Amino acid sequence: MVKATFEISWKRPDDEEARERTLALFSDCKIREGKRHEPFHHACETRRHKTSKEAVDRLRDVLEKAKDDVATITVSVGR
């Protein structure tokens, strides 16, 4: 298993419903708020994926579902 960290930046940071919809897509992840110096609003960490390709595929799926709610989502994968 690899550690995947999805970093989310919101289009409308004050839109609570958009945040809830998107974070629900990461229900298996440990979610934390970004710190002031970090370039994202929330980070979601999981070890659910066996390969980095699986994590990238999930990123693609989530972006498709949350495209109107997020400015961007990135993923970084490590061991």
Protein backbone atom coordinates (compact mmCIF):
# COMPACT_ATOMS: atom_id res chain seq x y z
CA MET A 1 0.00 0.00 0.00
CA VAL A 2 1.12 3.53 -0.73
CA LYS A 3 0.33 6.73 1.17
CA ALA A 4 -1.67 9.11 -1.01
CA THR A 5 -2.27 12.70 0.04
CA PHE A 6 -4.94 14.60 -1.85
CA GLU A 7 -4.67 18.38 -1.46
CA ILE A 8 -7.88 20.32 -2.12
CA SER A 9 -8.30 24.01 -2.90
CA TRP A 10 -11.87 25.26 -2.98
CA LYS A 11 -13.39 27.49 -5.63
CA ARG A 12 -15.60 29.09 -3.00
CA PRO A 13 -13.99 28.54 0.44
CA ASP A 14 -17.13 29.67 2.27
CA ASP A 15 -19.43 27.17 0.50
CA GLU A 16 -20.07 24.62 3.24
CA GLU A 17 -22.24 22.37 1.03
CA ALA A 18 -19.53 22.15 -1.64
CA ARG A 19 -16.97 21.18 1.00
CA GLU A 20 -19.26 18.51 2.44
CA ARG A 21 -19.97 17.03 -1.01
CA THR A 22 -16.31 16.83 -1.91
CA LEU A 23 -15.03 15.62 1.46
CA ALA A 24 -17.66 12.86 1.35
CA LEU A 25 -15.73 11.47 -1.64
CA PHE A 26 -12.81 11.00 0.78
CA SER A 27 -14.74 9.26 3.55
CA ASP A 28 -11.99 6.64 3.94
CA CYS A 29 -9.30 9.29 4.45
CA LYS A 30 -7.83 11.19 7.37
CA ILE A 31 -8.86 14.79 6.65
CA ARG A 32 -7.11 17.86 8.01
CA GLU A 33 -7.33 21.58 7.35
CA GLY A 34 -4.44 23.25 5.59
CA LYS A 35 -2.23 25.53 7.63
CA ARG A 36 -1.83 29.19 6.77
CA HIS A 37 1.46 28.63 4.90
CA GLU A 38 0.17 25.66 2.87
CA PRO A 39 -1.17 26.27 -0.65
CA PHE A 40 -4.35 24.19 -0.11
CA HIS A 41 -7.45 24.28 2.11
CA HIS A 42 -7.77 20.60 3.11
CA ALA A 43 -5.58 17.50 2.84
CA CYS A 44 -6.92 13.96 2.77
CA GLU A 45 -4.51 11.10 3.53
CA THR A 46 -5.11 7.41 2.91
CA ARG A 47 -3.24 4.13 2.52
CA ARG A 48 -6.11 2.51 0.63
CA HIS A 49 -4.35 2.38 -2.74
CA LYS A 50 -1.98 -0.39 -3.78
CA THR A 51 -0.22 1.66 -6.45
CA SER A 52 0.30 5.28 -7.39
CA LYS A 53 -1.74 4.61 -10.55
CA GLU A 54 -4.77 3.76 -8.39
CA ALA A 55 -4.36 7.05 -6.50
CA VAL A 56 -4.11 9.01 -9.76
CA ASP A 57 -7.19 7.21 -11.10
CA ARG A 58 -9.08 8.20 -7.95
CA LEU A 59 -7.93 11.80 -8.40
CA ARG A 60 -9.31 11.78 -11.92
CA ASP A 61 -12.65 10.38 -10.72
CA VAL A 62 -12.96 12.87 -7.87
CA LEU A 63 -12.10 15.81 -10.12
CA GLU A 64 -14.86 14.76 -12.50
CA LYS A 65 -17.42 14.56 -9.68
CA ALA A 66 -16.33 17.73 -7.86
CA LYS A 67 -15.35 19.94 -10.80
CA ASP A 68 -17.80 22.73 -9.91
CA ASP A 69 -16.82 22.77 -6.23
CA VAL A 70 -13.02 22.74 -6.32
CA ALA A 71 -10.41 25.01 -7.82
CA THR A 72 -7.90 22.17 -7.88
CA ILE A 73 -7.01 18.85 -6.31
CA THR A 74 -3.53 17.38 -6.44
CA VAL A 75 -2.20 14.07 -5.19
CA SER A 76 1.23 13.11 -3.93
CA VAL A 77 2.13 9.48 -3.39
CA GLY A 78 4.80 8.03 -1.11
CA ARG A 79 5.60 4.86 0.78
